[in-house]
Amino acid sequence: MSTDELHEANAFAAHRGVSLHIETLRLHGLPVTTAQAAQLSASLQSELARLLATGPLSLPQAGGAVPAMVAPAIQVSPVARADEIGRQIARSIYQSLNGSL
């Protein structure tokens, strides 16, 4: 997803009234180096923005604020690239947001 597409997806999600703030994201045991962390983060953000812009959400009616949540575990191949892992994490977060665990 290009930067323009990401901005468009974020704008569409905002238009739908969706605002997501992740203060802390704890990832344990990932085969990602410090150098790959930025790529993983960018991939996670763009995939999550895409999902929020295109898919329905079933959030609680009272503003949808959630102090903490646990997303489903993902299976990571030892040869997975950082961008692939980021997309998997985004899909897991999205599943958790929808309550489809």
Protein backbone atom coordinates (compact mmCIF):
# COMPACT_ATOMS: atom_id res chain seq x y z
CA MET A 1 0.00 0.00 0.00
CA SER A 2 1.43 3.34 -0.98
CA THR A 3 1.56 6.34 1.34
CA ASP A 4 -1.34 7.94 -0.57
CA GLU A 5 -3.41 4.76 -0.27
CA LEU A 6 -2.63 4.59 3.47
CA HIS A 7 -3.72 8.20 3.95
CA GLU A 8 -6.87 7.49 1.94
CA ALA A 9 -7.64 4.38 4.05
CA ASN A 10 -7.03 6.33 7.27
CA ALA A 11 -9.27 9.16 6.03
CA PHE A 12 -12.03 6.70 5.14
CA ALA A 13 -11.75 4.99 8.54
CA ALA A 14 -11.93 8.40 10.24
CA HIS A 15 -14.97 9.25 8.10
CA ARG A 16 -16.63 6.11 9.47
CA GLY A 17 -15.96 7.45 12.96
CA VAL A 18 -13.14 5.05 13.70
CA SER A 19 -10.18 6.27 15.69
CA LEU A 20 -7.71 3.70 16.97
CA HIS A 21 -4.88 4.43 19.38
CA ILE A 22 -2.56 1.62 20.46
CA GLU A 23 -0.43 2.91 23.28
CA THR A 24 1.59 -0.26 23.84
CA LEU A 25 1.87 -3.32 21.65
CA ARG A 26 3.71 -6.22 23.25
CA LEU A 27 5.12 -8.79 20.84
CA HIS A 28 6.91 -11.77 22.29
CA GLY A 29 9.22 -14.23 20.55
CA LEU A 30 9.18 -12.78 17.04
CA PRO A 31 12.06 -13.54 14.66
CA VAL A 32 12.53 -9.82 13.88
CA THR A 33 15.71 -7.83 14.26
CA THR A 34 15.78 -4.26 15.48
CA ALA A 35 16.40 -3.16 11.90
CA GLN A 36 13.25 -5.01 10.73
CA ALA A 37 11.03 -3.54 13.47
CA ALA A 38 10.26 -0.37 11.46
CA GLN A 39 9.19 -2.45 8.46
CA LEU A 40 6.98 -4.62 10.68
CA SER A 41 5.42 -1.51 12.23
CA ALA A 42 4.72 0.13 8.87
CA SER A 43 3.19 -3.07 7.51
CA LEU A 44 1.03 -3.51 10.61
CA GLN A 45 -0.23 0.08 10.40
CA SER A 46 -1.06 -0.04 6.69
CA GLU A 47 -2.84 -3.41 6.92
CA LEU A 48 -4.84 -2.35 9.98
CA ALA A 49 -5.83 0.91 8.27
CA ARG A 50 -6.89 -1.05 5.18
CA LEU A 51 -8.99 -3.45 7.26
CA LEU A 52 -10.62 -0.64 9.24
CA ALA A 53 -11.47 1.20 6.02
CA THR A 54 -12.99 -1.77 4.23
CA GLY A 55 -14.51 -4.08 6.82
CA PRO A 56 -17.36 -3.77 9.27
CA LEU A 57 -16.63 -3.40 12.98
CA SER A 58 -18.75 -4.70 15.84
CA LEU A 59 -17.55 -2.45 18.65
CA PRO A 60 -19.46 -1.73 21.87
CA GLN A 61 -21.92 1.15 21.54
CA ALA A 62 -20.51 3.15 24.48
CA GLY A 63 -17.71 4.77 22.54
CA GLY A 64 -15.82 1.54 21.99
CA ALA A 65 -13.03 2.43 24.42
CA VAL A 66 -11.18 -0.65 25.62
CA PRO A 67 -8.47 -0.32 28.29
CA ALA A 68 -6.71 -3.54 27.24
CA MET A 69 -7.25 -6.47 24.94
CA VAL A 70 -5.58 -9.70 23.94
CA ALA A 71 -5.47 -10.56 20.27
CA PRO A 72 -5.39 -14.14 18.98
CA ALA A 73 -1.96 -15.73 18.71
CA ILE A 74 -0.43 -15.95 15.26
CA GLN A 75 1.74 -18.65 13.74
CA VAL A 76 4.97 -17.25 12.32
CA SER A 77 7.14 -19.17 9.91
CA PRO A 78 10.87 -19.04 10.74
CA VAL A 79 11.44 -17.59 7.27
CA ALA A 80 8.61 -15.02 7.40
CA ARG A 81 9.51 -11.48 6.39
CA ALA A 82 8.85 -8.56 8.73
CA ASP A 83 6.14 -7.15 6.44
CA GLU A 84 4.30 -10.51 6.43
CA ILE A 85 4.46 -10.68 10.22
CA GLY A 86 3.12 -7.11 10.46
CA ARG A 87 0.13 -8.00 8.29
CA GLN A 88 -0.58 -11.11 10.38
CA ILE A 89 -0.50 -9.07 13.59
CA ALA A 90 -2.85 -6.47 12.07
CA ARG A 91 -5.35 -9.19 11.11
CA SER A 92 -5.16 -10.61 14.64
CA ILE A 93 -5.82 -7.18 16.17
CA TYR A 94 -8.72 -6.63 13.77
CA GLN A 95 -10.22 -10.01 14.73
CA SER A 96 -9.97 -9.05 18.37
CA LEU A 97 -11.64 -5.68 17.71
CA ASN A 98 -14.53 -7.53 16.08
CA GLY A 99 -14.79 -10.02 18.92
CA SER A 100 -14.33 -12.90 16.50
CA LEU A 101 -11.89 -14.91 18.60
